[in-house]
Protein backbone atom coordinates (compact mmCIF):
# COMPACT_ATOMS: atom_id res chain seq x y z
CA MET A 1 0.00 0.00 0.00
CA GLY A 2 1.61 3.21 -1.20
CA THR A 3 1.39 6.80 -0.05
CA LYS A 4 -1.22 7.54 -2.71
CA ASP A 5 -3.50 4.78 -1.38
CA ILE A 6 -3.16 6.05 2.19
CA LEU A 7 -3.98 9.59 1.12
CA GLU A 8 -7.00 8.38 -0.88
CA LEU A 9 -8.23 6.38 2.10
CA LEU A 10 -7.88 9.35 4.46
CA GLY A 11 -9.38 11.73 1.90
CA GLY A 12 -12.33 9.40 1.29
CA PHE A 13 -12.92 9.07 5.02
CA ALA A 14 -12.79 12.87 5.42
CA LEU A 15 -15.23 13.44 2.55
CA PHE A 16 -17.49 10.73 3.94
CA LEU A 17 -17.79 12.35 7.37
CA TYR A 18 -17.88 15.89 6.00
CA GLY A 19 -20.65 15.02 3.55
CA LYS A 20 -22.71 13.58 6.37
CA GLN A 21 -22.18 16.76 8.41
CA MET A 22 -23.19 18.90 5.42
CA MET A 23 -26.43 16.96 5.08
CA SER A 24 -27.35 17.49 8.73
CA ASN A 25 -26.38 21.19 8.68
CA GLY A 26 -28.31 21.83 5.48
CA LEU A 27 -31.45 20.22 6.79
CA GLU A 28 -31.18 21.90 10.21
CA THR A 29 -30.75 25.33 8.62
CA ALA A 30 -33.51 24.76 6.07
CA ALA A 31 -35.99 23.34 8.57
CA GLY A 32 -34.91 25.32 11.64
CA ASN A 33 -37.77 26.05 14.00
CA LYS A 34 -40.26 24.32 11.67
CA LEU A 35 -39.16 21.00 13.17
CA ARG A 36 -41.26 21.97 16.19
CA GLN A 37 -44.28 20.97 14.06
CA ILE A 38 -43.25 17.30 14.14
CA PRO A 39 -44.88 16.60 17.53
CA GLU A 40 -48.05 18.40 16.37
CA LYS A 41 -48.47 15.66 13.76
CA LEU A 42 -47.91 12.93 16.32
CA THR A 43 -50.53 11.30 18.47
CA ASP A 44 -50.04 8.13 20.48
CA ASN A 45 -50.28 6.24 17.19
CA ARG A 46 -47.16 4.10 17.29
CA PHE A 47 -47.13 3.34 13.56
CA LEU A 48 -47.26 7.03 12.65
CA GLY A 49 -44.48 7.73 15.14
CA VAL A 50 -42.27 4.98 13.70
CA THR A 51 -42.89 6.28 10.18
CA ILE A 52 -41.98 9.87 11.09
CA GLY A 53 -38.85 8.70 12.94
CA ALA A 54 -37.76 6.70 9.91
CA ILE A 55 -38.36 9.60 7.50
CA ILE A 56 -36.40 12.07 9.64
CA THR A 57 -33.47 9.66 9.91
CA VAL A 58 -33.43 9.00 6.17
CA MET A 59 -33.27 12.74 5.59
CA ILE A 60 -30.46 13.45 8.03
CA GLN A 61 -28.64 10.11 7.66
CA SER A 62 -28.11 9.71 11.40
CA SER A 63 -30.11 7.74 13.96
CA PHE A 64 -27.89 9.32 16.63
CA ALA A 65 -29.08 12.81 15.64
CA THR A 66 -32.72 11.69 15.57
CA VAL A 67 -32.49 10.10 19.02
CA VAL A 68 -30.77 13.15 20.53
CA MET A 69 -33.39 15.38 18.87
CA ALA A 70 -36.19 13.25 20.39
CA ALA A 71 -34.46 13.43 23.79
CA GLY A 72 -34.27 17.21 23.46
CA PHE A 73 -37.94 17.44 22.48
CA VAL A 74 -38.92 15.37 25.52
CA SER A 75 -36.65 17.41 27.79
CA SER A 76 -38.21 20.68 26.61
CA GLY A 77 -41.79 19.39 26.81
CA ILE A 78 -42.43 19.42 23.05
CA MET A 79 -42.89 15.64 22.90
CA SER A 80 -44.02 12.98 25.37
CA LEU A 81 -41.77 10.09 26.34
CA GLN A 82 -44.17 7.62 24.73
CA GLN A 83 -44.09 9.52 21.43
CA ALA A 84 -40.28 9.53 21.58
CA VAL A 85 -40.24 5.71 21.87
CA TRP A 86 -41.95 5.37 18.49
CA ILE A 87 -39.63 8.01 16.98
CA ILE A 88 -36.46 6.17 18.04
CA MET A 89 -37.82 2.85 16.77
CA GLY A 90 -38.40 4.53 13.42
CA ALA A 91 -34.90 6.01 13.59
CA ASN A 92 -33.43 2.51 13.76
CA ILE A 93 -35.27 1.59 10.58
CA GLY A 94 -34.40 4.82 8.82
CA THR A 95 -30.69 4.44 9.50
CA THR A 96 -30.64 1.26 7.38
CA VAL A 97 -31.47 3.19 4.21
CA THR A 98 -27.92 4.53 3.95
CA GLY A 99 -26.54 1.01 3.69
CA GLN A 100 -29.12 0.05 1.08
CA MET A 101 -28.22 3.10 -1.00
CA ILE A 102 -24.54 2.17 -0.84
CA ALA A 103 -25.40 -1.40 -1.88
CA LEU A 104 -27.35 -0.08 -4.86
CA GLU A 105 -24.24 1.85 -5.92
CA ILE A 106 -25.94 5.24 -5.76
CA GLY A 107 -22.42 6.62 -5.64
CA VAL A 108 -22.31 6.45 -9.46
CA ILE A 109 -24.43 9.60 -9.64
CA ALA A 110 -22.90 11.16 -6.52
CA PRO A 111 -20.79 13.70 -8.49
CA LEU A 112 -23.93 14.89 -10.30
CA VAL A 113 -25.84 15.28 -7.00
CA ALA A 114 -22.92 17.21 -5.50
CA PHE A 115 -22.75 19.42 -8.59
CA ILE A 116 -26.47 20.26 -8.39
CA GLY A 117 -26.11 21.05 -4.69
CA VAL A 118 -23.16 23.39 -5.27
CA LEU A 119 -25.08 25.02 -8.13
CA PHE A 120 -27.97 25.76 -5.75
CA ILE A 121 -25.57 27.25 -3.19
CA THR A 122 -23.83 29.40 -5.81
CA ILE A 123 -26.99 30.77 -7.43
CA TRP A 124 -29.25 31.32 -4.44
CA LYS A 125 -26.65 31.92 -1.71
CA LYS A 126 -28.53 32.75 1.54
CA CYS A 127 -32.12 31.82 0.65
CA LYS A 128 -33.77 28.50 1.52
CA TYR A 129 -32.68 26.90 -1.78
CA ALA A 130 -29.07 27.32 -0.69
CA TYR A 131 -29.76 25.13 2.33
CA VAL A 132 -31.39 22.52 0.10
CA GLY A 133 -28.26 22.77 -2.03
CA GLU A 134 -26.07 22.19 1.00
CA THR A 135 -28.05 19.03 1.77
CA LEU A 136 -27.71 17.76 -1.81
CA ALA A 137 -24.01 18.60 -1.92
CA GLY A 138 -23.57 16.72 1.37
CA ILE A 139 -25.25 13.62 -0.08
CA GLY A 140 -22.98 13.76 -3.11
CA VAL A 141 -19.79 14.25 -1.08
CA PHE A 142 -20.89 11.47 1.31
CA PHE A 143 -21.07 8.86 -1.48
CA ILE A 144 -17.97 10.15 -3.24
CA GLY A 145 -16.10 9.54 0.03
CA ILE A 146 -17.47 5.97 0.25
CA ASP A 147 -16.35 5.26 -3.31
CA MET A 148 -12.84 6.62 -2.62
CA MET A 149 -12.49 4.47 0.50
CA GLU A 150 -13.58 1.29 -1.28
CA LYS A 151 -10.96 1.79 -4.00
CA ALA A 152 -8.19 2.66 -1.54
CA MET A 153 -8.96 -0.34 0.67
CA LEU A 154 -8.29 -2.83 -2.13
CA SER A 155 -4.55 -2.37 -1.62
CA LEU A 156 -4.85 -3.33 2.07
CA LYS A 157 -5.23 -7.01 1.18
CA GLU A 158 -1.44 -7.46 1.13
CA PHE A 159 -1.17 -6.96 4.89
CA GLN A 160 -1.06 -10.25 6.82
CA PHE A 161 -2.29 -8.81 10.11
CA LEU A 162 -5.75 -8.30 8.59
CA GLY A 163 -6.19 -12.08 8.62
CA ASN A 164 -5.82 -12.01 12.39
CA VAL A 165 -8.36 -9.16 12.60
CA MET A 166 -10.86 -11.28 10.66
CA VAL A 167 -10.38 -14.18 13.08
CA ILE A 168 -10.86 -11.89 16.09
CA CYS A 169 -14.03 -10.33 14.70
CA SER A 170 -15.55 -13.74 13.99
CA ASN A 171 -15.75 -14.16 17.76
CA PRO A 172 -19.22 -12.77 18.65
CA ILE A 173 -18.19 -10.93 21.82
CA LEU A 174 -15.00 -9.47 20.35
CA GLY A 175 -16.75 -8.54 17.10
CA ILE A 176 -19.50 -6.72 18.98
CA LEU A 177 -16.90 -4.86 21.08
CA VAL A 178 -15.04 -3.80 17.92
CA GLY A 179 -18.31 -2.46 16.48
CA ILE A 180 -19.11 -0.55 19.67
CA ILE A 181 -15.66 1.03 19.91
CA PHE A 182 -15.53 1.97 16.24
CA THR A 183 -18.95 3.64 16.36
CA LEU A 184 -18.03 5.52 19.53
CA MET A 185 -14.99 6.87 17.70
CA ILE A 186 -16.89 8.32 14.74
CA HIS A 187 -20.24 9.02 16.49
CA SER A 188 -22.45 7.56 13.77
CA SER A 189 -23.79 4.07 13.14
CA ALA A 190 -24.76 4.97 9.56
CA ALA A 191 -21.20 6.12 8.87
CA SER A 192 -19.62 3.09 10.57
CA VAL A 193 -21.93 0.72 8.68
CA GLY A 194 -20.92 2.42 5.42
CA ILE A 195 -17.25 1.89 6.26
CA LEU A 196 -17.98 -1.73 7.22
CA GLN A 197 -19.57 -2.25 3.80
CA ALA A 198 -16.45 -0.83 2.16
CA LEU A 199 -14.28 -3.26 4.19
CA VAL A 200 -16.46 -6.23 3.21
CA VAL A 201 -16.51 -5.23 -0.47
CA SER A 202 -12.69 -4.97 -0.37
CA GLU A 203 -12.61 -8.47 1.23
CA LEU A 204 -10.74 -7.10 4.24
CA ILE A 205 -13.38 -8.52 6.59
CA GLY A 206 -15.53 -11.58 5.99
CA MET A 207 -19.25 -11.73 6.67
CA GLU A 208 -18.61 -14.05 9.65
CA GLY A 209 -16.97 -11.15 11.47
CA ALA A 210 -18.84 -8.27 9.83
CA VAL A 211 -22.19 -9.43 11.19
CA PHE A 212 -21.05 -9.13 14.83
CA ILE A 213 -19.34 -5.79 14.19
CA LEU A 214 -22.65 -4.63 12.71
CA PHE A 215 -24.54 -5.59 15.86
CA GLY A 216 -21.96 -3.75 17.98
CA GLN A 217 -22.33 -0.66 15.83
CA ASN A 218 -26.03 -0.47 16.73
CA ILE A 219 -25.18 -0.58 20.44
CA GLY A 220 -22.37 1.93 19.93
CA THR A 221 -24.65 4.62 18.52
CA SER A 222 -26.96 4.17 21.54
CA ILE A 223 -24.07 4.68 23.94
CA THR A 224 -23.02 7.77 21.98
CA ALA A 225 -26.53 9.21 22.33
CA MET A 226 -26.53 8.47 26.07
CA MET A 227 -23.24 10.32 26.45
CA ALA A 228 -24.67 13.32 24.56
CA THR A 229 -27.66 13.53 26.92
CA ASP A 230 -25.78 12.75 30.14
CA GLU A 231 -26.31 16.20 31.68
CA MET A 232 -29.92 16.59 30.57
CA GLU A 233 -32.93 16.03 32.77
CA ARG A 234 -34.13 12.50 33.48
CA ASP A 235 -36.76 12.11 30.73
CA ALA A 236 -34.18 12.92 28.05
CA ARG A 237 -31.87 10.25 29.47
CA ARG A 238 -34.76 7.80 29.54
CA VAL A 239 -35.15 8.23 25.78
CA THR A 240 -31.54 7.21 25.13
CA LEU A 241 -31.77 4.34 27.63
CA ILE A 242 -34.77 2.94 25.73
CA HIS A 243 -32.73 3.22 22.52
CA LEU A 244 -29.90 1.28 24.17
CA LEU A 245 -32.31 -1.42 25.42
CA PHE A 246 -33.74 -1.72 21.92
CA ASN A 247 -30.34 -2.42 20.37
CA ILE A 248 -29.14 -4.72 23.16
CA ILE A 249 -32.25 -6.87 22.83
CA GLY A 250 -31.85 -6.96 19.04
CA THR A 251 -28.16 -7.85 19.35
CA ILE A 252 -28.82 -10.74 21.74
CA LEU A 253 -31.55 -12.11 19.47
CA PHE A 254 -29.60 -11.87 16.21
CA THR A 255 -26.33 -13.09 17.74
CA PHE A 256 -28.05 -16.34 18.71
CA LEU A 257 -29.68 -16.56 15.30
CA SER A 258 -26.30 -16.14 13.62
CA ILE A 259 -24.68 -18.81 15.80
CA ILE A 260 -27.32 -21.56 15.95
CA THR A 261 -29.14 -21.13 12.61
CA PRO A 262 -28.10 -20.80 8.94
CA PHE A 263 -29.31 -17.19 9.04
CA LEU A 264 -26.06 -15.76 7.68
CA LEU A 265 -25.92 -18.31 4.86
CA LEU A 266 -29.47 -17.43 3.78
CA ILE A 267 -28.58 -13.73 3.63
CA GLU A 268 -25.46 -14.42 1.57
CA ASN A 269 -27.44 -16.57 -0.89
CA LEU A 270 -29.89 -13.72 -1.54
CA THR A 271 -27.16 -11.52 -3.07
CA PRO A 272 -24.07 -13.71 -3.50
CA ALA A 273 -22.31 -11.24 -5.79
CA ASN A 274 -22.97 -8.14 -3.69
CA PRO A 275 -21.32 -8.18 -0.23
CA ALA A 276 -22.40 -4.58 0.46
CA ALA A 277 -26.04 -5.65 -0.02
CA GLN A 278 -25.51 -8.54 2.40
CA VAL A 279 -24.41 -6.15 5.14
CA ALA A 280 -27.25 -3.77 4.31
CA ASN A 281 -29.85 -6.59 4.36
CA ILE A 282 -28.68 -7.87 7.75
CA HIS A 283 -28.78 -4.34 9.12
CA THR A 284 -32.30 -3.80 7.75
CA LEU A 285 -33.61 -7.14 9.06
CA PHE A 286 -32.02 -6.52 12.46
CA ASN A 287 -33.89 -3.25 12.94
CA ILE A 288 -37.22 -4.12 11.32
CA VAL A 289 -37.56 -7.42 13.21
CA THR A 290 -36.55 -5.79 16.50
CA VAL A 291 -39.09 -2.99 15.96
CA LEU A 292 -41.86 -5.53 15.23
CA LEU A 293 -40.99 -7.48 18.37
CA LEU A 294 -40.74 -4.46 20.68
CA LEU A 295 -43.50 -2.30 19.21
CA PRO A 296 -46.22 -3.94 21.36
CA ILE A 297 -44.18 -3.47 24.55
CA GLY A 298 -43.11 0.14 24.11
CA LYS A 299 -44.85 1.15 27.35
CA GLN A 300 -42.99 -1.57 29.26
CA LEU A 301 -39.69 -0.14 27.99
CA ILE A 302 -40.78 3.24 29.36
CA HIS A 303 -41.49 1.68 32.78
CA ILE A 304 -38.01 0.11 32.83
CA SER A 305 -36.40 3.45 31.99
CA GLU A 306 -38.46 5.21 34.66
CA ARG A 307 -37.29 2.76 37.30
CA PHE A 308 -33.70 3.26 36.20
CA PHE A 309 -33.75 7.09 36.28
CA LEU A 310 -35.53 8.09 39.47
CA ARG A 311 -36.18 11.62 40.79
CA GLN A 312 -33.29 11.58 43.26
CA LYS A 313 -31.21 14.16 41.40
CA GLU A 314 -34.09 16.64 41.11
CA VAL A 315 -34.95 16.25 44.82
CA ASN A 316 -31.39 16.64 46.11
CA ASP A 317 -30.30 19.53 43.91
CA PRO A 318 -31.43 22.88 45.33
CA ILE A 319 -33.05 25.32 42.90
CA PRO A 320 -31.29 28.70 42.90
CA GLU A 321 -33.33 31.73 43.90
CA LYS A 322 -32.98 33.31 40.47
CA HIS A 323 -32.69 30.93 37.57
CA LEU A 324 -33.82 30.19 34.04
CA GLU A 325 -36.44 27.49 34.28
CA TYR A 326 -36.41 26.40 30.63
CA LEU A 327 -33.44 27.94 28.81
CA SER A 328 -30.88 25.38 29.89
CA PHE A 329 -30.83 22.83 27.07
CA HIS A 330 -29.78 25.33 24.39
CA GLU A 331 -26.22 25.53 25.70
CA LYS A 332 -25.87 21.76 25.21
CA LEU A 333 -26.92 22.04 21.57
CA GLN A 334 -24.14 24.29 20.35
CA GLY A 335 -22.76 21.36 18.35
CA GLY A 336 -25.49 21.74 15.75
CA VAL A 337 -27.76 18.84 16.78
CA ILE A 338 -30.70 18.56 14.41
CA GLY A 339 -33.84 20.09 15.91
CA SER A 340 -31.92 22.42 18.21
CA SER A 341 -33.70 25.50 16.83
CA ALA A 342 -37.11 23.97 17.49
CA ILE A 343 -36.09 23.03 21.03
CA TYR A 344 -34.56 26.42 21.71
CA PHE A 345 -37.53 28.44 20.47
CA ASN A 346 -39.98 26.30 22.40
CA GLN A 347 -37.97 26.81 25.60
CA LEU A 348 -37.59 30.50 24.87
CA HIS A 349 -41.35 30.83 24.46
CA GLN A 350 -41.95 29.00 27.76
CA GLU A 351 -39.41 31.20 29.57
CA ILE A 352 -41.03 34.41 28.32
CA LEU A 353 -44.49 33.11 29.32
CA ARG A 354 -43.07 32.42 32.78
CA MET A 355 -41.76 35.99 32.87
CA LEU A 356 -45.18 37.25 31.73
CA GLU A 357 -46.87 35.35 34.58
CA MET A 358 -44.56 37.08 37.07
CA VAL A 359 -45.38 40.45 35.54
CA GLN A 360 -49.11 39.73 35.71
CA ASP A 361 -48.77 38.80 39.38
CA ASN A 362 -46.91 42.06 40.03
CA VAL A 363 -49.58 44.12 38.26
CA ASP A 364 -52.31 42.48 40.37
CA LYS A 365 -50.34 43.05 43.57
CA ALA A 366 -49.54 46.65 42.59
CA PHE A 367 -53.20 47.60 42.28
CA TRP A 368 -54.00 45.81 45.53
CA ALA A 369 -51.09 47.46 47.36
CA PHE A 370 -52.04 50.90 46.05
CA ARG A 371 -55.71 50.61 47.00
CA MET A 372 -54.97 49.14 50.44
CA ALA A 373 -51.77 51.18 51.14
CA ASP A 374 -50.06 47.84 51.79
CA GLU A 375 -46.32 48.55 52.21
CA GLU A 376 -45.42 44.89 52.83
CA ARG A 377 -46.90 43.96 49.46
CA PHE A 378 -44.73 46.68 47.90
CA MET A 379 -41.61 44.86 49.12
CA GLU A 380 -42.83 41.65 47.45
CA ILE A 381 -43.40 43.54 44.20
CA SER A 382 -39.97 45.13 44.36
CA LYS A 383 -38.26 41.77 44.92
CA LYS A 384 -40.12 40.12 42.05
CA GLU A 385 -39.30 43.07 39.78
CA GLU A 386 -35.62 42.32 40.41
CA TYR A 387 -36.27 38.74 39.30
CA ILE A 388 -38.08 40.01 36.18
CA ASN A 389 -35.12 42.24 35.33
CA TYR A 390 -32.80 39.26 35.80
CA LEU A 391 -34.89 37.15 33.40
CA ASN A 392 -34.98 39.97 30.86
CA GLN A 393 -31.20 40.26 30.92
CA GLU A 394 -30.56 36.50 30.69
CA ILE A 395 -33.17 35.93 27.96
CA SER A 396 -31.88 38.90 25.96
CA GLN A 397 -28.33 37.50 26.11
CA TYR A 398 -29.54 34.13 24.85
CA ILE A 399 -31.41 35.76 21.99
CA SER A 400 -28.45 37.97 21.08
CA ARG A 401 -26.20 34.92 20.76
CA THR A 402 -28.82 33.22 18.63
CA ILE A 403 -29.12 36.17 16.25
CA ILE A 404 -25.32 36.26 15.84
CA ASN A 405 -24.98 32.51 15.16
CA GLU A 406 -28.26 31.78 13.34
CA SER A 407 -27.95 31.29 9.57
CA ASN A 408 -31.65 30.70 8.93
CA GLU A 409 -33.24 34.07 8.08
CA ARG A 410 -36.69 32.97 9.23
CA ASP A 411 -35.36 31.93 12.63
CA THR A 412 -33.28 35.10 12.89
CA GLN A 413 -36.48 37.09 12.42
CA MET A 414 -38.20 34.90 15.01
CA ALA A 415 -35.41 35.55 17.51
CA SER A 416 -35.70 39.29 16.85
CA GLN A 417 -39.45 39.16 17.57
CA TYR A 418 -38.80 37.37 20.86
CA PHE A 419 -36.20 40.00 21.73
CA GLN A 420 -38.81 42.75 21.32
CA MET A 421 -41.38 40.70 23.22
CA THR A 422 -39.23 40.20 26.29
CA GLY A 423 -38.52 43.94 26.31
CA ASN A 424 -42.24 44.73 26.31
CA VAL A 425 -42.87 42.25 29.11
CA GLU A 426 -40.11 43.83 31.20
CA ARG A 427 -41.53 47.32 30.64
CA ILE A 428 -44.94 46.19 31.90
CA GLY A 429 -43.15 45.11 35.08
CA ASP A 430 -41.62 48.60 35.37
CA HIS A 431 -45.07 50.18 35.23
CA ALA A 432 -46.37 47.77 37.88
CA LEU A 433 -43.55 48.82 40.18
CA LYS A 434 -44.27 52.50 39.51
CA ILE A 435 -47.91 52.02 40.52
CA ALA A 436 -46.79 50.39 43.75
CA THR A 437 -44.27 53.16 44.52
CA TYR A 438 -47.07 55.72 44.75
CA ILE A 439 -47.91 54.18 48.12
CA GLU A 440 -45.02 55.97 49.82
CA THR A 441 -46.08 59.35 48.36
CA LEU A 442 -49.63 58.83 49.59
CA LYS A 443 -48.36 58.00 53.06
CA ILE A 444 -45.87 60.88 53.34
CA LYS A 445 -48.29 63.52 52.04
CA LYS A 446 -51.32 61.91 53.67
CA ILE A 447 -53.23 61.86 50.40
CA SER A 448 -56.42 59.85 50.05
CA PHE A 449 -58.54 58.98 47.02
CA SER A 450 -62.30 59.19 46.74
CA ARG A 451 -64.56 56.15 46.66
CA GLU A 452 -65.23 56.76 42.96
CA ALA A 453 -61.46 56.72 42.20
CA HIS A 454 -61.08 53.41 44.00
CA LYS A 455 -63.95 51.93 41.98
CA GLU A 456 -62.25 53.05 38.77
CA MET A 457 -59.00 51.43 39.92
CA GLU A 458 -60.88 48.17 40.45
CA GLN A 459 -62.15 48.41 36.86
CA MET A 460 -58.58 48.99 35.62
CA GLU A 461 -57.39 45.92 37.50
CA GLN A 462 -60.18 43.75 36.10
CA VAL A 463 -59.59 44.69 32.47
CA LEU A 464 -55.84 44.10 32.84
CA GLN A 465 -56.49 40.66 34.32
CA VAL A 466 -58.61 39.77 31.29
CA THR A 467 -55.89 41.14 28.98
CA PHE A 468 -53.18 38.97 30.53
CA GLU A 469 -55.41 35.89 30.48
CA THR A 470 -56.06 36.48 26.77
CA LEU A 471 -52.33 36.88 26.02
CA GLU A 472 -51.48 33.61 27.77
CA LYS A 473 -54.10 31.74 25.72
CA VAL A 474 -52.36 32.74 22.51
CA ASP A 475 -53.91 31.34 19.32
CA ARG A 476 -52.13 32.88 16.36
CA LYS A 477 -54.20 30.90 13.88
CA ASN A 478 -57.42 32.39 15.20
CA ALA A 479 -58.06 35.94 13.93
CA LYS A 480 -60.54 36.50 16.77
CA TRP A 481 -57.73 36.17 19.31
CA MET A 482 -55.89 39.22 17.94
CA MET A 483 -59.15 41.14 17.60
CA ARG A 484 -59.88 40.36 21.24
CA VAL A 485 -56.51 41.73 22.42
CA ALA A 486 -56.92 44.84 20.23
CA LYS A 487 -60.42 45.39 21.65
CA LEU A 488 -59.11 45.16 25.21
CA GLU A 489 -56.34 47.65 24.44
CA GLN A 490 -58.91 50.05 22.98
CA ASP A 491 -61.07 49.59 26.10
CA ILE A 492 -58.04 50.57 28.20
CA ASP A 493 -57.51 53.71 26.11
CA ASP A 494 -61.18 54.65 26.37
CA MET A 495 -61.21 54.03 30.11
CA THR A 496 -58.08 56.17 30.53
CA ILE A 497 -59.72 59.11 28.74
CA GLN A 498 -62.98 58.74 30.66
CA PHE A 499 -61.32 58.32 34.06
CA ARG A 500 -59.23 61.46 33.51
CA LYS A 501 -62.41 63.42 32.78
CA ASN A 502 -64.07 61.97 35.84
CA HIS A 503 -61.14 62.90 38.04
CA PHE A 504 -61.04 66.51 36.81
CA GLU A 505 -64.74 66.75 37.60
CA ARG A 506 -64.06 65.51 41.12
CA ILE A 507 -61.34 68.17 41.50
CA LYS A 508 -63.78 70.87 40.44
CA GLN A 509 -66.24 69.60 43.01
CA GLY A 510 -63.51 69.56 45.68
CA VAL A 511 -63.78 65.82 46.21
CA CYS A 512 -60.09 65.18 45.30
CA SER A 513 -56.99 67.28 45.91
CA GLU A 514 -54.60 68.55 43.23
CA GLU A 515 -51.82 66.32 44.60
CA ALA A 516 -54.13 63.30 44.30
CA CYS A 517 -54.86 64.39 40.73
CA ILE A 518 -51.16 64.29 39.80
CA ILE A 519 -50.64 60.79 41.21
CA TYR A 520 -53.87 59.50 39.69
CA SER A 521 -52.96 60.97 36.31
CA GLU A 522 -49.55 59.26 36.41
CA MET A 523 -51.22 56.04 37.39
CA LEU A 524 -53.59 56.30 34.42
CA THR A 525 -50.55 56.78 32.18
CA ASP A 526 -49.04 53.57 33.56
CA PHE A 527 -52.36 51.81 33.05
CA GLU A 528 -52.50 52.95 29.42
CA GLN A 529 -48.86 51.98 28.77
CA ILE A 530 -49.43 48.48 30.11
CA GLY A 531 -52.23 48.10 27.57
CA ASN A 532 -49.98 49.35 24.76
CA HIS A 533 -47.22 46.91 25.64
CA ALA A 534 -49.74 44.06 25.85
CA LEU A 535 -50.91 44.85 22.32
CA ASP A 536 -47.29 44.98 21.12
CA ILE A 537 -46.69 41.53 22.60
CA ALA A 538 -49.75 40.14 20.81
CA GLN A 539 -48.64 41.66 17.50
CA GLU A 540 -45.17 40.16 17.90
CA MET A 541 -46.71 36.75 18.57
CA LEU A 542 -48.86 37.12 15.47
CA GLU A 543 -45.96 38.19 13.26
CA MET A 544 -43.86 35.22 14.41
CA ASP A 545 -46.40 32.86 12.89
CA MET A 546 -45.79 34.48 9.48
CA PHE A 547 -42.15 33.33 9.31
């Protein structure tokens, strides 16, 4: 084996892995936050879940990425654990398509596919077609790399030590261990299976050893997924544990079949002249049969995973006084895991809704504290306002990093809308605090409001409560929802105008003092501004649905 062969082997391996990465990046950028719609199409229908899991994996050429995506969706509350079980079963079927494509020698047209992809990227640059082009170019480069490796490996036959490797791999336990280790090294079962096919085609490994390496590769990708989700919350780790159980059960079953039955001989006789197809067929049978066997007991697999990952960690770990409740998983997705945008935007939405709930509580308490001159309640409001400011700062930093790193224009626009939304929520909190601060002025100057003014304040509080409740029940697809928010904001404006007139009349009649008039007027301004910000939030939510 000369220097040229070594360089071709290394170059083919590099193109192989890089092409796979291009495919995943292209799809992630093209789909972006739209992947959040996957769970919307899922019910508890296991067959639909398996189908969707298989389709996703075929598109991204990585069961590892699909499993980690499902774990992330479960962790962020987008998907239930039961739905994730069907997705990962489908992922195991979908990952076999790569091997079948290699066996069918799709690589013959790989240069053409890569050329079309590059053409898309060159012509359309930053638009969505460029991301489609990146995916196509990745597919082409992927198969070009496979072809280069197969040709370079032919010269490896001259090395005697490979005979010893073949003997070692024919031992079931050692073969499975080799498959596990190799997959852990390159973090992809689809990629490791493709390389295994190239080794078999080059006659560097016989089918007697390849079959056990193949089984180990399935376990290896499960271990890789478990490592990727190690620091996530328990339900995410349960997803990867179920994936591991799936492949261990399949490996035990097919190892016995390979040892005590003529299973391997039957597979070889199906395509005697195509070793790559033999590997692909075993891989496909392994996953389809295992899915059919385990599909009826998916819930039992969930129970096993639940017993394995108990709540001990969540109980023992103290929750910090100020913390982000949802925006924690995004930092673990910086490696470009497929579906990360969908997970991030879902968590971002939940975090802002949490912030909005705090603001609503402060508005309610502010009106109560003002009407009842409750200074203790003012301290509660002030403390929570500090928390709201903390959330605004942390969320804004997250969004800023997203805008800088996001290549999908639609998602960049979405992030910008969320940035404006969190600012509006924070400003509502500022107005709530201002309303509460008037308590001290009333106390120092011994100012009191008339009964009519207090009744008007109760009306303000009631309409704001309805406004917040409407915002939290967001339904962007329903035009009546936006009309409802707009109507409430108009009611607030009309009430502000009318209450000002009423208060001036009371001053003329000597019922209220001029100092009370100033405070009440400022309070009405805060009331009106809260309504304006609420409408802005609703409009931002509506605009996000357009992208």
